[in-house]
């Protein structure tokens, strides 16, 4: 009887926590649930990002034209994000954000943004971005993942799958399993043997939000089509780049982006 009561109590707590954790994704309006606080995710991101930059195997590029361009475009998009969020009553979602933009020397075609605005761009993706608008496409997309709190969703799903149970207070940064799962979200660290994939819905949201952010930052959303066509050509000529390993088909993505461009153009100021 005591076991049944305990199971019922845990189930009831799970339902209550699930309901209380529901938030709304900006622009798309999708309801999402996360079983870990965004504050905890930001704190973990800050620690993991610092460890990543301090890793002896990682070379951060500073004081070059390319690194300055990464910071310049990143800051423009960050300003656009702040303006959009403040104008649409989502300012609490980015409270505590401390933006950082770093260019990392690597042949990998990759880029990511952690919660709290911790961004890494790999030099391997620059020949594909080709120009400022292409780089803005990538940065807008990755920053959108963070703004939509996709990491919290994916982290919660992974922790539950691994039987850890975020509901019972497994800390992101403090538990060994939690730290490993967090690294797997971004494909970094010795424990990151694979990337935890975004869902199709999350990718659509990142594309849609990213187009709006790059448009507000002064970059034509139309440039996103050209960028993804170049990525498609790269993927067809070799094994899929890490940046595309968990993403939807190129034709589907480009088709959907074309649908989102008119909406993003409303925010575009040359």
Protein backbone atom coordinates (compact mmCIF):
# COMPACT_ATOMS: atom_id res chain seq x y z
CA UNK A 1 0.00 0.00 0.00
CA UNK A 2 2.81 2.42 0.91
CA UNK A 3 4.49 1.72 -2.43
CA UNK A 4 1.26 2.47 -4.29
CA UNK A 5 0.87 5.73 -2.40
CA UNK A 6 4.48 6.66 -3.19
CA UNK A 7 4.00 5.90 -6.90
CA UNK A 8 0.77 7.91 -6.94
CA UNK A 9 2.49 10.85 -5.21
CA UNK A 10 5.38 10.82 -7.66
CA UNK A 11 2.96 10.60 -10.59
CA UNK A 12 0.91 13.49 -9.23
CA UNK A 13 4.07 15.54 -8.71
CA UNK A 14 5.13 14.77 -12.28
CA UNK A 15 1.80 15.98 -13.69
CA UNK A 16 1.86 19.17 -11.60
CA UNK A 17 5.47 19.87 -12.56
CA UNK A 18 4.71 19.23 -16.22
CA UNK A 19 1.78 21.64 -16.20
CA UNK A 20 3.70 24.32 -14.32
CA UNK A 21 6.70 24.01 -16.64
CA UNK A 22 4.79 24.78 -19.84
CA UNK A 23 5.99 27.83 -21.74
CA UNK A 24 5.27 29.33 -25.15
CA UNK A 25 7.84 29.53 -27.94
CA UNK A 26 8.14 33.11 -29.26
CA UNK A 27 6.66 33.78 -32.71
CA UNK A 28 5.42 30.22 -33.33
CA UNK A 29 3.20 30.04 -30.22
CA UNK A 30 3.97 26.35 -29.67
CA UNK A 31 3.47 25.14 -26.11
CA UNK A 32 6.48 23.32 -24.71
CA UNK A 33 7.29 21.65 -21.42
CA UNK A 34 10.70 21.40 -19.78
CA UNK A 35 11.48 19.58 -16.59
CA UNK A 36 14.60 21.61 -15.85
CA UNK A 37 14.80 25.35 -15.19
CA UNK A 38 16.23 27.62 -17.85
CA UNK A 39 18.31 29.32 -15.16
CA UNK A 40 19.99 26.00 -14.39
CA UNK A 41 20.59 25.42 -18.09
CA UNK A 42 22.21 28.85 -18.42
CA UNK A 43 24.45 28.21 -15.42
CA UNK A 44 25.50 24.85 -16.85
CA UNK A 45 26.11 26.45 -20.25
CA UNK A 46 28.38 29.08 -18.73
CA UNK A 47 30.51 26.38 -17.09
CA UNK A 48 30.58 24.10 -20.12
CA UNK A 49 31.37 26.96 -22.48
CA UNK A 50 34.29 28.07 -20.32
CA UNK A 51 35.62 24.50 -20.16
CA UNK A 52 35.28 24.24 -23.94
CA UNK A 53 37.22 27.45 -24.59
CA UNK A 54 39.94 26.45 -22.09
CA UNK A 55 40.39 22.98 -23.56
CA UNK A 56 44.02 22.71 -24.80
CA UNK A 57 42.76 21.00 -27.97
CA UNK A 58 40.55 24.00 -28.81
CA UNK A 59 42.05 27.02 -30.55
CA UNK A 60 39.99 30.19 -30.26
CA UNK A 61 40.82 32.71 -32.98
CA UNK A 62 41.07 36.34 -31.91
CA UNK A 63 41.95 39.63 -33.58
CA UNK A 64 41.45 38.54 -37.17
CA UNK A 65 39.04 39.88 -39.76
CA UNK A 66 36.99 36.68 -39.52
CA UNK A 67 36.79 36.64 -35.72
CA UNK A 68 35.81 40.30 -35.65
CA UNK A 69 33.12 39.61 -38.25
CA UNK A 70 31.70 36.81 -36.08
CA UNK A 71 31.46 39.16 -33.11
CA UNK A 72 30.04 42.01 -35.22
CA UNK A 73 27.26 39.94 -36.77
CA UNK A 74 26.61 38.13 -33.51
CA UNK A 75 26.12 41.38 -31.62
CA UNK A 76 23.78 42.71 -34.31
CA UNK A 77 21.61 39.62 -34.04
CA UNK A 78 21.75 39.76 -30.22
CA UNK A 79 20.49 43.36 -30.37
CA UNK A 80 17.70 42.23 -32.72
CA UNK A 81 16.77 39.41 -30.34
CA UNK A 82 16.60 41.81 -27.40
CA UNK A 83 14.42 44.21 -29.37
CA UNK A 84 12.08 41.45 -30.53
CA UNK A 85 11.75 39.85 -27.11
CA UNK A 86 11.14 43.17 -25.35
CA UNK A 87 8.55 44.21 -27.92
CA UNK A 88 6.62 40.96 -27.55
CA UNK A 89 6.67 40.63 -23.76
CA UNK A 90 9.24 37.83 -23.72
CA UNK A 91 11.91 39.85 -21.93
CA UNK A 92 11.96 37.41 -19.01
CA UNK A 93 13.09 34.67 -21.38
CA UNK A 94 16.43 36.38 -21.96
CA UNK A 95 16.95 37.76 -18.46
CA UNK A 96 20.49 36.85 -17.42
CA UNK A 97 21.78 36.41 -20.97
CA UNK A 98 25.48 37.25 -21.32
CA UNK A 99 26.31 37.01 -24.99
CA UNK A 100 29.64 35.61 -26.15
CA UNK A 101 30.71 34.97 -29.73
CA UNK A 102 33.87 33.01 -30.50
CA UNK A 103 35.43 31.68 -33.68
CA UNK A 104 37.06 28.27 -33.24
CA UNK A 105 39.65 26.78 -35.57
CA UNK A 106 38.29 23.48 -36.85
CA UNK A 107 37.66 21.71 -40.14
CA UNK A 108 34.23 20.73 -38.84
CA UNK A 109 31.30 22.40 -40.59
CA UNK A 110 29.57 23.33 -37.38
CA UNK A 111 28.13 26.08 -35.18
CA UNK A 112 26.04 26.17 -32.00
CA UNK A 113 24.56 28.43 -29.35
CA UNK A 114 24.14 27.37 -25.73
CA UNK A 115 21.51 28.77 -23.36
CA UNK A 116 22.46 32.23 -22.17
CA UNK A 117 23.92 33.27 -25.53
CA UNK A 118 27.16 31.25 -25.61
CA UNK A 119 28.00 30.94 -29.32
CA UNK A 120 30.74 29.04 -31.16
CA UNK A 121 31.37 29.26 -34.90
CA UNK A 122 33.79 26.77 -36.45
CA UNK A 123 36.10 27.98 -39.25
CA UNK A 124 35.04 24.97 -41.31
CA UNK A 125 31.63 26.50 -41.92
CA UNK A 126 32.92 29.87 -43.18
CA UNK A 127 33.57 28.74 -46.78
CA UNK A 128 29.91 27.73 -46.89
CA UNK A 129 28.51 30.87 -45.27
CA UNK A 130 30.52 32.74 -47.94
CA UNK A 131 29.37 36.23 -46.93
CA UNK A 132 27.90 38.26 -44.07
CA UNK A 133 24.31 37.25 -44.85
CA UNK A 134 25.28 33.58 -44.95
CA UNK A 135 26.96 33.86 -41.56
CA UNK A 136 23.93 35.73 -40.22
CA UNK A 137 21.76 32.83 -41.42
CA UNK A 138 23.78 30.34 -39.39
CA UNK A 139 24.03 32.52 -36.30
CA UNK A 140 20.37 33.48 -36.42
CA UNK A 141 19.36 29.83 -36.66
CA UNK A 142 21.58 28.66 -33.79
CA UNK A 143 20.65 31.59 -31.55
CA UNK A 144 16.98 30.83 -32.27
CA UNK A 145 17.44 27.35 -30.79
CA UNK A 146 18.57 28.97 -27.53
CA UNK A 147 15.81 31.59 -27.53
CA UNK A 148 13.19 28.88 -28.09
CA UNK A 149 14.70 26.92 -25.15
CA UNK A 150 15.12 23.81 -27.24
CA UNK A 151 18.06 22.64 -25.15
CA UNK A 152 15.87 22.43 -22.05
CA UNK A 153 13.37 20.30 -23.97
CA UNK A 154 16.01 17.97 -25.35
CA UNK A 155 17.86 17.74 -22.05
CA UNK A 156 14.68 16.81 -20.18
CA UNK A 157 13.81 14.13 -22.74
CA UNK A 158 17.32 12.67 -22.61
CA UNK A 159 17.46 12.59 -18.82
CA UNK A 160 14.12 10.83 -18.60
CA UNK A 161 15.19 8.34 -21.28
CA UNK A 162 18.35 7.58 -19.31
CA UNK A 163 16.28 7.01 -16.19
CA UNK A 164 17.80 9.87 -14.23
CA UNK A 165 14.57 11.78 -13.80
CA UNK A 166 14.93 15.53 -14.01
CA UNK A 167 11.70 15.72 -12.00
CA UNK A 168 13.57 14.45 -8.95
CA UNK A 169 16.17 17.19 -9.08
CA UNK A 170 19.05 15.87 -11.18
CA UNK A 171 21.25 18.95 -11.56
CA UNK A 172 22.48 19.82 -15.02
CA UNK A 173 26.00 20.78 -14.07
CA UNK A 174 26.41 18.91 -10.78
CA UNK A 175 25.49 15.34 -11.71
CA UNK A 176 27.93 13.41 -13.89
CA UNK A 177 25.17 12.04 -16.09
CA UNK A 178 23.59 15.48 -16.41
CA UNK A 179 26.90 16.99 -17.50
CA UNK A 180 27.45 14.25 -20.08
CA UNK A 181 23.96 14.72 -21.51
CA UNK A 182 24.53 18.48 -21.74
CA UNK A 183 27.76 17.92 -23.69
CA UNK A 184 25.95 15.55 -26.03
CA UNK A 185 23.49 18.31 -26.88
CA UNK A 186 26.34 20.18 -28.59
CA UNK A 187 28.72 17.39 -29.56
CA UNK A 188 31.51 18.62 -27.29
CA UNK A 189 33.66 16.94 -24.66
CA UNK A 190 35.06 13.45 -24.29
CA UNK A 191 31.64 12.07 -23.32
CA UNK A 192 29.88 13.45 -26.39
CA UNK A 193 29.84 10.35 -28.54
CA UNK A 194 26.79 11.51 -30.47
CA UNK A 195 24.57 14.54 -30.90
CA UNK A 196 21.13 14.54 -29.36
CA UNK A 197 18.91 15.45 -32.32
CA UNK A 198 16.54 18.34 -32.58
CA UNK A 199 12.98 17.46 -33.44
CA UNK A 200 11.46 18.52 -36.75
CA UNK A 201 9.32 21.06 -34.90
CA UNK A 202 12.39 22.56 -33.24
CA UNK A 203 14.21 22.88 -36.55
CA UNK A 204 11.23 24.61 -38.12
CA UNK A 205 11.07 27.02 -35.19
CA UNK A 206 14.80 27.76 -35.37
CA UNK A 207 14.54 28.47 -39.10
CA UNK A 208 11.50 30.70 -38.65
CA UNK A 209 12.85 32.63 -35.68
CA UNK A 210 16.32 32.83 -37.21
CA UNK A 211 14.97 34.46 -40.36
CA UNK A 212 13.21 37.10 -38.27
CA UNK A 213 16.31 37.81 -36.18
CA UNK A 214 18.63 38.14 -39.18
CA UNK A 215 16.08 40.39 -40.92
CA UNK A 216 15.87 42.68 -37.89
CA UNK A 217 19.69 42.76 -37.83
CA UNK A 218 19.72 44.06 -41.41
CA UNK A 219 20.37 40.90 -43.43
CA UNK A 220 18.05 39.77 -46.21
CA UNK A 221 16.14 36.59 -45.28
CA UNK A 222 16.38 35.55 -48.94
CA UNK A 223 20.08 34.83 -48.32
CA UNK A 224 19.06 31.85 -46.19
CA UNK A 225 17.90 29.98 -49.30
CA UNK A 226 21.30 30.41 -50.97
CA UNK A 227 23.10 29.28 -47.82
CA UNK A 228 21.08 26.09 -47.45
CA UNK A 229 21.52 25.34 -51.15
CA UNK A 230 25.29 25.53 -50.62
CA UNK A 231 24.99 23.27 -47.59
CA UNK A 232 22.99 20.82 -49.67
CA UNK A 233 25.67 20.76 -52.36
CA UNK A 234 28.35 20.18 -49.71
CA UNK A 235 26.41 17.30 -48.19
CA UNK A 236 25.92 15.67 -51.58
CA UNK A 237 29.66 15.81 -52.31
CA UNK A 238 30.82 14.18 -49.06
CA UNK A 239 29.60 12.62 -45.84
CA UNK A 240 27.03 14.83 -44.05
CA UNK A 241 28.68 17.66 -42.09
CA UNK A 242 28.12 17.60 -38.33
CA UNK A 243 26.02 20.73 -38.70
CA UNK A 244 23.55 18.76 -40.83
CA UNK A 245 23.73 15.39 -39.14
CA UNK A 246 20.45 15.76 -37.26
CA UNK A 247 18.67 18.18 -39.57
CA UNK A 248 15.72 17.63 -41.95
CA UNK A 249 16.10 17.04 -45.67
CA UNK A 250 17.44 19.93 -47.71
CA UNK A 251 14.45 20.11 -50.04
CA UNK A 252 12.02 20.22 -47.12
CA UNK A 253 14.02 22.86 -45.29
CA UNK A 254 14.39 25.14 -48.31
CA UNK A 255 10.69 24.78 -49.14
CA UNK A 256 9.69 25.77 -45.61
CA UNK A 257 12.17 28.66 -45.49
CA UNK A 258 10.65 30.09 -48.67
CA UNK A 259 7.27 30.02 -46.89
CA UNK A 260 8.70 31.92 -43.91
CA UNK A 261 10.49 34.63 -45.92
CA UNK A 262 7.43 36.91 -46.44
CA UNK A 263 6.87 36.96 -42.67
CA UNK A 264 10.54 37.72 -41.97
CA UNK A 265 10.62 40.44 -44.65
CA UNK A 266 8.20 42.46 -42.55
CA UNK A 267 11.07 42.96 -40.12
CA UNK A 268 13.76 43.58 -42.74
CA UNK A 269 15.23 47.06 -42.80
CA UNK A 270 18.06 47.57 -45.31
